[in-house]
Amino acid sequence: MFDTRKYAFQTETTFRAVFKCERYGIGVLAEYYFIEKNPFIAITTVLGNFYNKLDNKSKEKVDEFIESYHLEMGKSIEEIGEEKIKKIIQEFNEIVRTV
């Protein structure tokens, strides 16, 4: 068993920074408990926020990321597993930093 809250909190921090909101912002999306159960929904919400403003190369990065991990939609962090969620969050943060 691993600490799923740690990974949910990392995603919450990015989510809140992008949307400039407090905890529980945008309904319950900006809250680690929701993210712990639905991480891919939170991640794709952030990426969707940028998508129409991106150049084609950046859109391709987002598309490839979502296509690579779309089977994780509907899974909790625990179901995804520690190694995979680490990789997902790392790639997600890299995309956010570059857009």
C-alpha atoms as a PDB file:
ATOM      1  CA  MET A   1       0.000   0.000   0.000  1.00  0.00           C
ATOM      2  CA  PHE A   2       1.278   3.471  -0.821  1.00  0.00           C
ATOM      3  CA  ASP A   3       0.261   6.981   0.228  1.00  0.00           C
ATOM      4  CA  THR A   4      -2.281   7.907  -2.449  1.00  0.00           C
ATOM      5  CA  ARG A   5      -2.974  11.253  -0.770  1.00  0.00           C
ATOM      6  CA  LYS A   6       0.546  12.432  -1.569  1.00  0.00           C
ATOM      7  CA  TYR A   7      -0.075  12.068  -5.294  1.00  0.00           C
ATOM      8  CA  ALA A   8      -3.574  13.533  -5.061  1.00  0.00           C
ATOM      9  CA  PHE A   9      -2.205  16.548  -3.207  1.00  0.00           C
ATOM     10  CA  GLN A  10       0.469  17.097  -5.879  1.00  0.00           C
ATOM     11  CA  THR A  11      -2.250  17.164  -8.532  1.00  0.00           C
ATOM     12  CA  GLU A  12      -4.475  19.392  -6.379  1.00  0.00           C
ATOM     13  CA  THR A  13      -1.639  21.895  -6.027  1.00  0.00           C
ATOM     14  CA  THR A  14      -1.183  22.124  -9.793  1.00  0.00           C
ATOM     15  CA  PHE A  15      -4.949  22.275 -10.361  1.00  0.00           C
ATOM     16  CA  ARG A  16      -5.388  25.130  -7.884  1.00  0.00           C
ATOM     17  CA  ALA A  17      -2.452  27.054  -9.351  1.00  0.00           C
ATOM     18  CA  VAL A  18      -3.771  26.773 -12.906  1.00  0.00           C
ATOM     19  CA  PHE A  19      -7.327  27.765 -12.012  1.00  0.00           C
ATOM     20  CA  LYS A  20      -6.294  30.246  -9.312  1.00  0.00           C
ATOM     21  CA  CYS A  21      -8.798  28.771  -6.909  1.00  0.00           C
ATOM     22  CA  GLU A  22      -8.934  27.621  -3.338  1.00  0.00           C
ATOM     23  CA  ARG A  23      -9.461  24.099  -2.141  1.00  0.00           C
ATOM     24  CA  TYR A  24     -12.897  22.842  -3.204  1.00  0.00           C
ATOM     25  CA  GLY A  25     -12.802  25.272  -6.154  1.00  0.00           C
ATOM     26  CA  ILE A  26     -14.692  24.386  -9.333  1.00  0.00           C
ATOM     27  CA  GLY A  27     -17.111  22.285  -7.356  1.00  0.00           C
ATOM     28  CA  VAL A  28     -15.065  19.601  -5.673  1.00  0.00           C
ATOM     29  CA  LEU A  29     -12.516  19.165  -8.466  1.00  0.00           C
ATOM     30  CA  ALA A  30      -9.804  21.140  -6.630  1.00  0.00           C
ATOM     31  CA  GLU A  31      -9.754  18.840  -3.627  1.00  0.00           C
ATOM     32  CA  TYR A  32      -7.362  15.993  -2.976  1.00  0.00           C
ATOM     33  CA  TYR A  33     -10.080  13.570  -1.845  1.00  0.00           C
ATOM     34  CA  PHE A  34     -11.872  13.880  -5.209  1.00  0.00           C
ATOM     35  CA  ILE A  35      -8.576  13.694  -7.080  1.00  0.00           C
ATOM     36  CA  GLU A  36      -7.539  10.605  -5.132  1.00  0.00           C
ATOM     37  CA  LYS A  37     -10.618   8.831  -6.521  1.00  0.00           C
ATOM     38  CA  ASN A  38     -10.635  10.505  -9.989  1.00  0.00           C
ATOM     39  CA  PRO A  39      -7.135  11.723 -10.867  1.00  0.00           C
ATOM     40  CA  PHE A  40      -7.501  11.567 -14.632  1.00  0.00           C
ATOM     41  CA  ILE A  41     -10.615  13.741 -14.575  1.00  0.00           C
ATOM     42  CA  ALA A  42      -8.718  16.458 -12.708  1.00  0.00           C
ATOM     43  CA  ILE A  43      -5.695  16.139 -14.977  1.00  0.00           C
ATOM     44  CA  THR A  44      -7.701  16.343 -18.199  1.00  0.00           C
ATOM     45  CA  THR A  45      -9.685  19.291 -16.823  1.00  0.00           C
ATOM     46  CA  VAL A  46      -6.431  21.218 -16.408  1.00  0.00           C
ATOM     47  CA  LEU A  47      -5.178  20.243 -19.851  1.00  0.00           C
ATOM     48  CA  GLY A  48      -8.523  21.096 -21.423  1.00  0.00           C
ATOM     49  CA  ASN A  49      -8.237  24.571 -19.932  1.00  0.00           C
ATOM     50  CA  PHE A  50      -5.176  25.213 -22.132  1.00  0.00           C
ATOM     51  CA  TYR A  51      -6.044  23.214 -25.214  1.00  0.00           C
ATOM     52  CA  ASN A  52      -7.644  25.846 -27.484  1.00  0.00           C
ATOM     53  CA  LYS A  53      -4.787  28.250 -26.799  1.00  0.00           C
ATOM     54  CA  LEU A  54      -2.013  25.823 -27.751  1.00  0.00           C
ATOM     55  CA  ASP A  55      -0.023  25.622 -30.943  1.00  0.00           C
ATOM     56  CA  ASN A  56      -0.245  22.395 -32.948  1.00  0.00           C
ATOM     57  CA  LYS A  57       2.928  20.893 -31.464  1.00  0.00           C
ATOM     58  CA  SER A  58       1.699  21.436 -27.915  1.00  0.00           C
ATOM     59  CA  LYS A  59      -1.735  20.068 -28.809  1.00  0.00           C
ATOM     60  CA  GLU A  60      -0.025  16.942 -30.093  1.00  0.00           C
ATOM     61  CA  LYS A  61       1.739  16.546 -26.727  1.00  0.00           C
ATOM     62  CA  VAL A  62      -1.575  16.794 -24.897  1.00  0.00           C
ATOM     63  CA  ASP A  63      -3.269  14.420 -27.334  1.00  0.00           C
ATOM     64  CA  GLU A  64      -0.469  11.867 -26.995  1.00  0.00           C
ATOM     65  CA  PHE A  65      -0.560  12.107 -23.208  1.00  0.00           C
ATOM     66  CA  ILE A  66      -4.319  11.559 -23.054  1.00  0.00           C
ATOM     67  CA  GLU A  67      -4.174   8.739 -25.596  1.00  0.00           C
ATOM     68  CA  SER A  68      -1.387   7.053 -23.626  1.00  0.00           C
ATOM     69  CA  TYR A  69      -3.323   7.066 -20.378  1.00  0.00           C
ATOM     70  CA  HIS A  70      -6.998   7.179 -21.370  1.00  0.00           C
ATOM     71  CA  LEU A  71      -7.556   3.670 -19.997  1.00  0.00           C
ATOM     72  CA  GLU A  72      -6.878   5.101 -16.526  1.00  0.00           C
ATOM     73  CA  MET A  73     -10.054   7.203 -16.772  1.00  0.00           C
ATOM     74  CA  GLY A  74     -12.417   6.185 -13.994  1.00  0.00           C
ATOM     75  CA  LYS A  75      -9.685   4.578 -11.898  1.00  0.00           C
ATOM     76  CA  SER A  76      -8.519   5.776  -8.500  1.00  0.00           C
ATOM     77  CA  ILE A  77      -4.874   6.463  -7.760  1.00  0.00           C
ATOM     78  CA  GLU A  78      -4.740   3.190  -5.848  1.00  0.00           C
ATOM     79  CA  GLU A  79      -6.131   1.279  -8.844  1.00  0.00           C
ATOM     80  CA  ILE A  80      -3.642   2.941 -11.194  1.00  0.00           C
ATOM     81  CA  GLY A  81      -0.708   2.030  -8.968  1.00  0.00           C
ATOM     82  CA  GLU A  82       2.178   3.997  -7.586  1.00  0.00           C
ATOM     83  CA  GLU A  83       4.676   3.632 -10.415  1.00  0.00           C
ATOM     84  CA  LYS A  84       2.186   4.540 -13.115  1.00  0.00           C
ATOM     85  CA  ILE A  85       0.676   7.495 -11.218  1.00  0.00           C
ATOM     86  CA  LYS A  86       4.182   8.849 -10.603  1.00  0.00           C
ATOM     87  CA  LYS A  87       4.832   8.721 -14.331  1.00  0.00           C
ATOM     88  CA  ILE A  88       1.455  10.266 -15.179  1.00  0.00           C
ATOM     89  CA  ILE A  89       1.936  13.155 -12.743  1.00  0.00           C
ATOM     90  CA  GLN A  90       5.503  13.742 -13.921  1.00  0.00           C
ATOM     91  CA  GLU A  91       4.411  13.932 -17.568  1.00  0.00           C
ATOM     92  CA  PHE A  92       1.372  16.040 -16.649  1.00  0.00           C
ATOM     93  CA  ASN A  93       3.512  18.567 -14.754  1.00  0.00           C
ATOM     94  CA  GLU A  94       5.973  18.713 -17.646  1.00  0.00           C
ATOM     95  CA  ILE A  95       3.163  19.554 -20.069  1.00  0.00           C
ATOM     96  CA  VAL A  96       1.760  22.209 -17.730  1.00  0.00           C
ATOM     97  CA  ARG A  97       5.206  23.779 -17.344  1.00  0.00           C
ATOM     98  CA  THR A  98       5.701  24.028 -21.102  1.00  0.00           C
ATOM     99  CA  VAL A  99       2.318  25.432 -22.137  1.00  0.00           C
END
